[in-house]
Amino acid sequence: MEEHYRILKELDKRKMYHVRLIYNTNFSKT
């Protein structure tokens, strides 16, 4: 999903690396 990367890029831009990321994924794509 493009929206997922939009969020990560925003966090990266703001250097908010303390934010916890949790995933539920089928783990087929990386």
Full PDB file with SEQRES, HELIX, SHEET, SSBOND, CRYST1, ORIGX, SCALE, CONECT and MASTER records, all heavy atoms in Angstrom:
SEQRES   1 A   30  MET GLU GLU HIS TYR ARG ILE LEU LYS GLU LEU ASP LYS          
SEQRES   2 A   30  ARG LYS MET TYR HIS VAL ARG LEU ILE TYR ASN THR ASN          
SEQRES   3 A   30  PHE SER LYS THR                                              
HELIX    1 AA1 GLU A    2  LYS A   13  1                                  12    
CRYST1    1.000    1.000    1.000  90.00  90.00  90.00 P 1           1          
ORIGX1      1.000000  0.000000  0.000000        0.00000                         
ORIGX2      0.000000  1.000000  0.000000        0.00000                         
ORIGX3      0.000000  0.000000  1.000000        0.00000                         
SCALE1      1.000000  0.000000  0.000000        0.00000                         
SCALE2      0.000000  1.000000  0.000000        0.00000                         
SCALE3      0.000000  0.000000  1.000000        0.00000                         
ATOM      1  N   MET A   1       0.824  -1.201   0.000  1.00  0.00           N  
ATOM      2  CA  MET A   1       0.000   0.000   0.000  1.00  0.00           C  
ATOM      3  C   MET A   1       0.864   1.258   0.000  1.00  0.00           C  
ATOM      4  O   MET A   1       1.758   1.414   0.829  1.00  0.00           O  
ATOM      5  CB  MET A   1      -0.919   0.023   1.223  1.00  0.00           C  
ATOM      6  CG  MET A   1      -1.998  -1.024   1.221  1.00  0.00           C  
ATOM      7  SD  MET A   1      -3.085  -0.835   2.662  1.00  0.00           S  
ATOM      8  CE  MET A   1      -4.087  -2.324   2.503  1.00  0.00           C  
ATOM      9  N   GLU A   2       0.566   2.172  -0.891  1.00  0.00           N  
ATOM     10  CA  GLU A   2       1.300   3.432  -0.975  1.00  0.00           C  
ATOM     11  C   GLU A   2       1.160   4.253   0.308  1.00  0.00           C  
ATOM     12  O   GLU A   2       2.093   4.936   0.730  1.00  0.00           O  
ATOM     13  CB  GLU A   2       0.815   4.238  -2.174  1.00  0.00           C  
ATOM     14  CG  GLU A   2       1.658   5.474  -2.447  1.00  0.00           C  
ATOM     15  CD  GLU A   2       1.341   6.130  -3.764  1.00  0.00           C  
ATOM     16  OE1 GLU A   2       0.475   5.598  -4.514  1.00  0.00           O  
ATOM     17  OE2 GLU A   2       1.965   7.166  -4.071  1.00  0.00           O  
ATOM     18  N   GLU A   3      -0.016   4.193   0.949  1.00  0.00           N  
ATOM     19  CA  GLU A   3      -0.263   4.980   2.159  1.00  0.00           C  
ATOM     20  C   GLU A   3       0.713   4.622   3.278  1.00  0.00           C  
ATOM     21  O   GLU A   3       1.142   5.475   4.062  1.00  0.00           O  
ATOM     22  CB  GLU A   3      -1.699   4.780   2.649  1.00  0.00           C  
ATOM     23  CG  GLU A   3      -2.772   5.303   1.711  1.00  0.00           C  
ATOM     24  CD  GLU A   3      -3.246   4.275   0.697  1.00  0.00           C  
ATOM     25  OE1 GLU A   3      -2.527   3.260   0.485  1.00  0.00           O  
ATOM     26  OE2 GLU A   3      -4.325   4.485   0.124  1.00  0.00           O  
ATOM     27  N   HIS A   4       1.073   3.356   3.349  1.00  0.00           N  
ATOM     28  CA  HIS A   4       2.020   2.892   4.364  1.00  0.00           C  
ATOM     29  C   HIS A   4       3.356   3.612   4.221  1.00  0.00           C  
ATOM     30  O   HIS A   4       3.943   4.085   5.205  1.00  0.00           O  
ATOM     31  CB  HIS A   4       2.187   1.371   4.228  1.00  0.00           C  
ATOM     32  CG  HIS A   4       3.454   0.840   4.816  1.00  0.00           C  
ATOM     33  ND1 HIS A   4       4.459   0.296   4.044  1.00  0.00           N  
ATOM     34  CD2 HIS A   4       3.881   0.762   6.109  1.00  0.00           C  
ATOM     35  CE1 HIS A   4       5.450  -0.094   4.819  1.00  0.00           C  
ATOM     36  NE2 HIS A   4       5.139   0.162   6.073  1.00  0.00           N  
ATOM     37  N   TYR A   5       3.847   3.710   2.998  1.00  0.00           N  
ATOM     38  CA  TYR A   5       5.141   4.362   2.759  1.00  0.00           C  
ATOM     39  C   TYR A   5       5.045   5.880   2.928  1.00  0.00           C  
ATOM     40  O   TYR A   5       6.015   6.532   3.312  1.00  0.00           O  
ATOM     41  CB  TYR A   5       5.662   3.988   1.375  1.00  0.00           C  
ATOM     42  CG  TYR A   5       5.970   2.511   1.296  1.00  0.00           C  
ATOM     43  CD1 TYR A   5       4.997   1.613   0.859  1.00  0.00           C  
ATOM     44  CD2 TYR A   5       7.186   2.007   1.723  1.00  0.00           C  
ATOM     45  CE1 TYR A   5       5.249   0.252   0.822  1.00  0.00           C  
ATOM     46  CE2 TYR A   5       7.451   0.644   1.695  1.00  0.00           C  
ATOM     47  CZ  TYR A   5       6.476  -0.225   1.250  1.00  0.00           C  
ATOM     48  OH  TYR A   5       6.738  -1.573   1.236  1.00  0.00           O  
ATOM     49  N   ARG A   6       3.880   6.435   2.661  1.00  0.00           N  
ATOM     50  CA  ARG A   6       3.667   7.858   2.878  1.00  0.00           C  
ATOM     51  C   ARG A   6       3.875   8.205   4.359  1.00  0.00           C  
ATOM     52  O   ARG A   6       4.493   9.226   4.697  1.00  0.00           O  
ATOM     53  CB  ARG A   6       2.252   8.233   2.428  1.00  0.00           C  
ATOM     54  CG  ARG A   6       1.995   9.712   2.266  1.00  0.00           C  
ATOM     55  CD  ARG A   6       0.610   9.931   1.686  1.00  0.00           C  
ATOM     56  NE  ARG A   6       0.397  11.312   1.300  1.00  0.00           N  
ATOM     57  CZ  ARG A   6      -0.745  11.759   0.768  1.00  0.00           C  
ATOM     58  NH1 ARG A   6      -1.739  10.910   0.559  1.00  0.00           N  
ATOM     59  NH2 ARG A   6      -0.857  13.040   0.451  1.00  0.00           N  
ATOM     60  N   ILE A   7       3.366   7.348   5.232  1.00  0.00           N  
ATOM     61  CA  ILE A   7       3.526   7.551   6.670  1.00  0.00           C  
ATOM     62  C   ILE A   7       4.985   7.406   7.085  1.00  0.00           C  
ATOM     63  O   ILE A   7       5.526   8.231   7.827  1.00  0.00           O  
ATOM     64  CB  ILE A   7       2.633   6.559   7.449  1.00  0.00           C  
ATOM     65  CG1 ILE A   7       1.165   6.947   7.284  1.00  0.00           C  
ATOM     66  CG2 ILE A   7       3.015   6.531   8.933  1.00  0.00           C  
ATOM     67  CD1 ILE A   7       0.200   5.905   7.812  1.00  0.00           C  
ATOM     68  N   LEU A   8       5.649   6.354   6.612  1.00  0.00           N  
ATOM     69  CA  LEU A   8       7.051   6.145   6.979  1.00  0.00           C  
ATOM     70  C   LEU A   8       7.927   7.294   6.501  1.00  0.00           C  
ATOM     71  O   LEU A   8       8.842   7.718   7.219  1.00  0.00           O  
ATOM     72  CB  LEU A   8       7.566   4.821   6.401  1.00  0.00           C  
ATOM     73  CG  LEU A   8       6.951   3.526   6.935  1.00  0.00           C  
ATOM     74  CD1 LEU A   8       7.818   2.327   6.540  1.00  0.00           C  
ATOM     75  CD2 LEU A   8       6.779   3.544   8.451  1.00  0.00           C  
ATOM     76  N   LYS A   9       7.658   7.812   5.315  1.00  0.00           N  
ATOM     77  CA  LYS A   9       8.439   8.936   4.801  1.00  0.00           C  
ATOM     78  C   LYS A   9       8.215  10.192   5.645  1.00  0.00           C  
ATOM     79  O   LYS A   9       9.146  10.962   5.877  1.00  0.00           O  
ATOM     80  CB  LYS A   9       8.067   9.204   3.335  1.00  0.00           C  
ATOM     81  CG  LYS A   9       8.625   8.166   2.363  1.00  0.00           C  
ATOM     82  CD  LYS A   9       8.231   8.499   0.934  1.00  0.00           C  
ATOM     83  CE  LYS A   9       8.824   7.504  -0.056  1.00  0.00           C  
ATOM     84  NZ  LYS A   9       8.416   7.815  -1.449  1.00  0.00           N  
ATOM     85  N   GLU A  10       6.975  10.389   6.096  1.00  0.00           N  
ATOM     86  CA  GLU A  10       6.682  11.551   6.945  1.00  0.00           C  
ATOM     87  C   GLU A  10       7.401  11.426   8.284  1.00  0.00           C  
ATOM     88  O   GLU A  10       7.961  12.398   8.796  1.00  0.00           O  
ATOM     89  CB  GLU A  10       5.173  11.684   7.159  1.00  0.00           C  
ATOM     90  CG  GLU A  10       4.745  12.924   7.937  1.00  0.00           C  
ATOM     91  CD  GLU A  10       4.991  14.226   7.187  1.00  0.00           C  
ATOM     92  OE1 GLU A  10       5.012  14.208   5.934  1.00  0.00           O  
ATOM     93  OE2 GLU A  10       5.161  15.273   7.871  1.00  0.00           O  
ATOM     94  N   LEU A  11       7.389  10.241   8.865  1.00  0.00           N  
ATOM     95  CA  LEU A  11       8.109  10.011  10.112  1.00  0.00           C  
ATOM     96  C   LEU A  11       9.608  10.214   9.924  1.00  0.00           C  
ATOM     97  O   LEU A  11      10.288  10.798  10.779  1.00  0.00           O  
ATOM     98  CB  LEU A  11       7.839   8.596  10.624  1.00  0.00           C  
ATOM     99  CG  LEU A  11       6.418   8.298  11.114  1.00  0.00           C  
ATOM    100  CD1 LEU A  11       6.252   6.805  11.388  1.00  0.00           C  
ATOM    101  CD2 LEU A  11       6.087   9.096  12.375  1.00  0.00           C  
ATOM    102  N   ASP A  12      10.105   9.756   8.798  1.00  0.00           N  
ATOM    103  CA  ASP A  12      11.522   9.916   8.479  1.00  0.00           C  
ATOM    104  C   ASP A  12      11.872  11.394   8.334  1.00  0.00           C  
ATOM    105  O   ASP A  12      12.884  11.871   8.861  1.00  0.00           O  
ATOM    106  CB  ASP A  12      11.844   9.147   7.194  1.00  0.00           C  
ATOM    107  CG  ASP A  12      13.342   9.101   6.890  1.00  0.00           C  
ATOM    108  OD1 ASP A  12      14.153   9.269   7.831  1.00  0.00           O  
ATOM    109  OD2 ASP A  12      13.692   8.875   5.702  1.00  0.00           O  
ATOM    110  N   LYS A  13      11.044  12.139   7.650  1.00  0.00           N  
ATOM    111  CA  LYS A  13      11.268  13.572   7.441  1.00  0.00           C  
ATOM    112  C   LYS A  13      11.330  14.318   8.769  1.00  0.00           C  
ATOM    113  O   LYS A  13      12.149  15.205   8.964  1.00  0.00           O  
ATOM    114  CB  LYS A  13      10.153  14.149   6.558  1.00  0.00           C  
ATOM    115  CG  LYS A  13      10.345  15.616   6.212  1.00  0.00           C  
ATOM    116  CD  LYS A  13       9.264  16.111   5.267  1.00  0.00           C  
ATOM    117  CE  LYS A  13       8.019  16.442   6.015  1.00  0.00           C  
ATOM    118  NZ  LYS A  13       6.964  17.073   5.123  1.00  0.00           N  
ATOM    119  N   ARG A  14      10.458  13.922   9.703  1.00  0.00           N  
ATOM    120  CA  ARG A  14      10.402  14.566  11.010  1.00  0.00           C  
ATOM    121  C   ARG A  14      11.382  13.949  12.016  1.00  0.00           C  
ATOM    122  O   ARG A  14      11.438  14.394  13.167  1.00  0.00           O  
ATOM    123  CB  ARG A  14       8.986  14.469  11.581  1.00  0.00           C  
ATOM    124  CG  ARG A  14       7.910  15.138  10.745  1.00  0.00           C  
ATOM    125  CD  ARG A  14       6.545  14.987  11.386  1.00  0.00           C  
ATOM    126  NE  ARG A  14       5.486  15.544  10.571  1.00  0.00           N  
ATOM    127  CZ  ARG A  14       4.449  16.239  11.069  1.00  0.00           C  
ATOM    128  NH1 ARG A  14       4.369  16.464  12.374  1.00  0.00           N  
ATOM    129  NH2 ARG A  14       3.511  16.709  10.258  1.00  0.00           N  
ATOM    130  N   LYS A  15      12.101  12.896  11.562  1.00  0.00           N  
ATOM    131  CA  LYS A  15      13.045  12.166  12.417  1.00  0.00           C  
ATOM    132  C   LYS A  15      12.367  11.616  13.679  1.00  0.00           C  
ATOM    133  O   LYS A  15      12.937  11.619  14.775  1.00  0.00           O  
ATOM    134  CB  LYS A  15      14.252  13.041  12.775  1.00  0.00           C  
ATOM    135  CG  LYS A  15      15.034  13.524  11.557  1.00  0.00           C  
ATOM    136  CD  LYS A  15      16.337  14.160  11.906  1.00  0.00           C  
ATOM    137  CE  LYS A  15      17.061  14.710  10.701  1.00  0.00           C  
ATOM    138  NZ  LYS A  15      17.234  13.697   9.583  1.00  0.00           N  
ATOM    139  N   MET A  16      11.148  11.142  13.510  1.00  0.00           N  
ATOM    140  CA  MET A  16      10.389  10.572  14.609  1.00  0.00           C  
ATOM    141  C   MET A  16      10.632   9.062  14.678  1.00  0.00           C  
ATOM    142  O   MET A  16       9.722   8.249  14.552  1.00  0.00           O  
ATOM    143  CB  MET A  16       8.897  10.884  14.449  1.00  0.00           C  
ATOM    144  CG  MET A  16       8.571  12.360  14.567  1.00  0.00           C  
ATOM    145  SD  MET A  16       6.819  12.762  14.241  1.00  0.00           S  
ATOM    146  CE  MET A  16       6.001  11.896  15.607  1.00  0.00           C  
ATOM    147  N   TYR A  17      11.868   8.713  14.902  1.00  0.00           N  
ATOM    148  CA  TYR A  17      12.259   7.298  14.882  1.00  0.00           C  
ATOM    149  C   TYR A  17      11.870   6.561  16.162  1.00  0.00           C  
ATOM    150  O   TYR A  17      12.004   5.339  16.239  1.00  0.00           O  
ATOM    151  CB  TYR A  17      13.761   7.182  14.627  1.00  0.00           C  
ATOM    152  CG  TYR A  17      14.204   7.842  13.342  1.00  0.00           C  
ATOM    153  CD1 TYR A  17      15.172   8.846  13.353  1.00  0.00           C  
ATOM    154  CD2 TYR A  17      13.634   7.474  12.131  1.00  0.00           C  
ATOM    155  CE1 TYR A  17      15.564   9.457  12.170  1.00  0.00           C  
ATOM    156  CE2 TYR A  17      14.029   8.082  10.947  1.00  0.00           C  
ATOM    157  CZ  TYR A  17      14.991   9.072  10.972  1.00  0.00           C  
ATOM    158  OH  TYR A  17      15.382   9.678   9.801  1.00  0.00           O  
ATOM    159  N   HIS A  18      11.394   7.321  17.160  1.00  0.00           N  
ATOM    160  CA  HIS A  18      10.948   6.703  18.407  1.00  0.00           C  
ATOM    161  C   HIS A  18       9.572   6.074  18.274  1.00  0.00           C  
ATOM    162  O   HIS A  18       9.189   5.252  19.133  1.00  0.00           O  
ATOM    163  CB  HIS A  18      10.891   7.754  19.525  1.00  0.00           C  
ATOM    164  CG  HIS A  18       9.874   8.831  19.260  1.00  0.00           C  
ATOM    165  ND1 HIS A  18      10.116   9.873  18.401  1.00  0.00           N  
ATOM    166  CD2 HIS A  18       8.589   9.013  19.723  1.00  0.00           C  
ATOM    167  CE1 HIS A  18       9.055  10.657  18.343  1.00  0.00           C  
ATOM    168  NE2 HIS A  18       8.110  10.148  19.137  1.00  0.00           N  
ATOM    169  N   VAL A  19       8.835   6.448  17.259  1.00  0.00           N  
ATOM    170  CA  VAL A  19       7.487   5.922  17.072  1.00  0.00           C  
ATOM    171  C   VAL A  19       7.550   4.414  16.809  1.00  0.00           C  
ATOM    172  O   VAL A  19       8.322   3.942  15.984  1.00  0.00           O  
ATOM    173  CB  VAL A  19       6.765   6.640  15.913  1.00  0.00           C  
ATOM    174  CG1 VAL A  19       5.423   5.967  15.614  1.00  0.00           C  
ATOM    175  CG2 VAL A  19       6.563   8.111  16.263  1.00  0.00           C  
ATOM    176  N   ARG A  20       6.735   3.687  17.522  1.00  0.00           N  
ATOM    177  CA  ARG A  20       6.721   2.235  17.392  1.00  0.00           C  
ATOM    178  C   ARG A  20       5.911   1.815  16.162  1.00  0.00           C  
ATOM    179  O   ARG A  20       4.793   2.294  15.948  1.00  0.00           O  
ATOM    180  CB  ARG A  20       6.120   1.604  18.654  1.00  0.00           C  
ATOM    181  CG  ARG A  20       6.262   0.084  18.711  1.00  0.00           C  
ATOM    182  CD  ARG A  20       5.656  -0.431  20.020  1.00  0.00           C  
ATOM    183  NE  ARG A  20       5.941  -1.851  20.182  1.00  0.00           N  
ATOM    184  CZ  ARG A  20       5.311  -2.623  21.066  1.00  0.00           C  
ATOM    185  NH1 ARG A  20       4.377  -2.098  21.858  1.00  0.00           N  
ATOM    186  NH2 ARG A  20       5.629  -3.907  21.164  1.00  0.00           N  
ATOM    187  N   LEU A  21       6.473   0.937  15.350  1.00  0.00           N  
ATOM    188  CA  LEU A  21       5.806   0.422  14.161  1.00  0.00           C  
ATOM    189  C   LEU A  21       5.481  -1.053  14.368  1.00  0.00           C  
ATOM    190  O   LEU A  21       6.354  -1.845  14.695  1.00  0.00           O  
ATOM    191  CB  LEU A  21       6.695   0.573  12.924  1.00  0.00           C  
ATOM    192  CG  LEU A  21       7.298   1.956  12.653  1.00  0.00           C  
ATOM    193  CD1 LEU A  21       8.175   1.898  11.404  1.00  0.00           C  
ATOM    194  CD2 LEU A  21       6.212   3.012  12.504  1.00  0.00           C  
ATOM    195  N   ILE A  22       4.229  -1.405  14.203  1.00  0.00           N  
ATOM    196  CA  ILE A  22       3.796  -2.789  14.348  1.00  0.00           C  
ATOM    197  C   ILE A  22       3.077  -3.215  13.068  1.00  0.00           C  
ATOM    198  O   ILE A  22       2.276  -2.454  12.517  1.00  0.00           O  
ATOM    199  CB  ILE A  22       2.872  -2.977  15.565  1.00  0.00           C  
ATOM    200  CG1 ILE A  22       3.593  -2.547  16.834  1.00  0.00           C  
ATOM    201  CG2 ILE A  22       2.423  -4.426  15.703  1.00  0.00           C  
ATOM    202  CD1 ILE A  22       2.768  -2.672  18.082  1.00  0.00           C  
ATOM    203  N   TYR A  23       3.370  -4.423  12.630  1.00  0.00           N  
ATOM    204  CA  TYR A  23       2.830  -4.907  11.360  1.00  0.00           C  
ATOM    205  C   TYR A  23       2.095  -6.230  11.518  1.00  0.00           C  
ATOM    206  O   TYR A  23       2.504  -7.104  12.291  1.00  0.00           O  
ATOM    207  CB  TYR A  23       3.959  -5.133  10.343  1.00  0.00           C  
ATOM    208  CG  TYR A  23       4.582  -3.868   9.827  1.00  0.00           C  
ATOM    209  CD1 TYR A  23       5.541  -3.189  10.567  1.00  0.00           C  
ATOM    210  CD2 TYR A  23       4.213  -3.337   8.596  1.00  0.00           C  
ATOM    211  CE1 TYR A  23       6.112  -2.020  10.109  1.00  0.00           C  
ATOM    212  CE2 TYR A  23       4.786  -2.173   8.118  1.00  0.00           C  
ATOM    213  CZ  TYR A  23       5.731  -1.514   8.878  1.00  0.00           C  
ATOM    214  OH  TYR A  23       6.293  -0.354   8.401  1.00  0.00           O  
ATOM    215  N   ASN A  24       1.046  -6.339  10.756  1.00  0.00           N  
ATOM    216  CA  ASN A  24       0.433  -7.626  10.480  1.00  0.00           C  
ATOM    217  C   ASN A  24       0.501  -7.789   8.961  1.00  0.00           C  
ATOM    218  O   ASN A  24      -0.184  -7.093   8.224  1.00  0.00           O  
ATOM    219  CB  ASN A  24      -1.013  -7.676  10.969  1.00  0.00           C  
ATOM    220  CG  ASN A  24      -1.625  -9.044  10.776  1.00  0.00           C  
ATOM    221  OD1 ASN A  24      -1.830  -9.499   9.661  1.00  0.00           O  
ATOM    222  ND2 ASN A  24      -1.939  -9.707  11.854  1.00  0.00           N  
ATOM    223  N   THR A  25       1.355  -8.676   8.510  1.00  0.00           N  
ATOM    224  CA  THR A  25       1.641  -8.812   7.094  1.00  0.00           C  
ATOM    225  C   THR A  25       1.667 -10.274   6.688  1.00  0.00           C  
ATOM    226  O   THR A  25       2.006 -11.152   7.493  1.00  0.00           O  
ATOM    227  CB  THR A  25       3.002  -8.169   6.747  1.00  0.00           C  
ATOM    228  OG1 THR A  25       3.378  -8.519   5.408  1.00  0.00           O  
ATOM    229  CG2 THR A  25       4.107  -8.624   7.688  1.00  0.00           C  
ATOM    230  N   ASN A  26       1.304 -10.549   5.429  1.00  0.00           N  
ATOM    231  CA  ASN A  26       1.423 -11.928   4.944  1.00  0.00           C  
ATOM    232  C   ASN A  26       2.863 -12.287   4.607  1.00  0.00           C  
ATOM    233  O   ASN A  26       3.152 -13.437   4.278  1.00  0.00           O  
ATOM    234  CB  ASN A  26       0.484 -12.196   3.759  1.00  0.00           C  
ATOM    235  CG  ASN A  26       0.750 -11.310   2.551  1.00  0.00           C  
ATOM    236  OD1 ASN A  26       1.882 -11.007   2.201  1.00  0.00           O  
ATOM    237  ND2 ASN A  26      -0.334 -10.906   1.872  1.00  0.00           N  
ATOM    238  N   PHE A  27       3.750 -11.312   4.657  1.00  0.00           N  
ATOM    239  CA  PHE A  27       5.186 -11.488   4.528  1.00  0.00           C  
ATOM    240  C   PHE A  27       5.607 -12.013   3.154  1.00  0.00           C  
ATOM    241  O   PHE A  27       6.653 -12.610   2.993  1.00  0.00           O  
ATOM    242  CB  PHE A  27       5.729 -12.409   5.628  1.00  0.00           C  
ATOM    243  CG  PHE A  27       7.177 -12.178   5.972  1.00  0.00           C  
ATOM    244  CD1 PHE A  27       7.610 -10.924   6.392  1.00  0.00           C  
ATOM    245  CD2 PHE A  27       8.100 -13.198   5.908  1.00  0.00           C  
ATOM    246  CE1 PHE A  27       8.953 -10.701   6.705  1.00  0.00           C  
ATOM    247  CE2 PHE A  27       9.440 -12.994   6.209  1.00  0.00           C  
ATOM    248  CZ  PHE A  27       9.869 -11.745   6.612  1.00  0.00           C  
ATOM    249  N   SER A  28       4.789 -11.738   2.156  1.00  0.00           N  
ATOM    250  CA  SER A  28       5.120 -12.173   0.797  1.00  0.00           C  
ATOM    251  C   SER A  28       5.942 -11.142   0.042  1.00  0.00           C  
ATOM    252  O   SER A  28       6.667 -11.476  -0.899  1.00  0.00           O  
ATOM    253  CB  SER A  28       3.841 -12.477   0.016  1.00  0.00           C  
ATOM    254  OG  SER A  28       3.056 -11.293  -0.150  1.00  0.00           O  
ATOM    255  N   LYS A  29       5.822  -9.853   0.448  1.00  0.00           N  
ATOM    256  CA  LYS A  29       6.517  -8.766  -0.226  1.00  0.00           C  
ATOM    257  C   LYS A  29       7.410  -8.019   0.757  1.00  0.00           C  
ATOM    258  O   LYS A  29       7.062  -7.863   1.927  1.00  0.00           O  
ATOM    259  CB  LYS A  29       5.519  -7.789  -0.854  1.00  0.00           C  
ATOM    260  CG  LYS A  29       4.546  -8.429  -1.840  1.00  0.00           C  
ATOM    261  CD  LYS A  29       5.261  -8.949  -3.073  1.00  0.00           C  
ATOM    262  CE  LYS A  29       4.271  -9.537  -4.085  1.00  0.00           C  
ATOM    263  NZ  LYS A  29       4.970 -10.112  -5.258  1.00  0.00           N  
ATOM    264  N   THR A  30       8.534  -7.550   0.272  1.00  0.00           N  
ATOM    265  CA  THR A  30       9.470  -6.817   1.126  1.00  0.00           C  
ATOM    266  C   THR A  30       9.882  -5.485   0.500  1.00  0.00           C  
ATOM    267  O   THR A  30      10.784  -4.820   0.998  1.00  0.00           O  
ATOM    268  CB  THR A  30      10.731  -7.648   1.401  1.00  0.00           C  
ATOM    269  OG1 THR A  30      11.439  -7.878   0.181  1.00  0.00           O  
ATOM    270  CG2 THR A  30      10.360  -8.983   2.038  1.00  0.00           C  
TER     271      THR A  30                                                      
MASTER        0    0    0    1    0    0    0    6  270    1    0    3          
END                                                                             
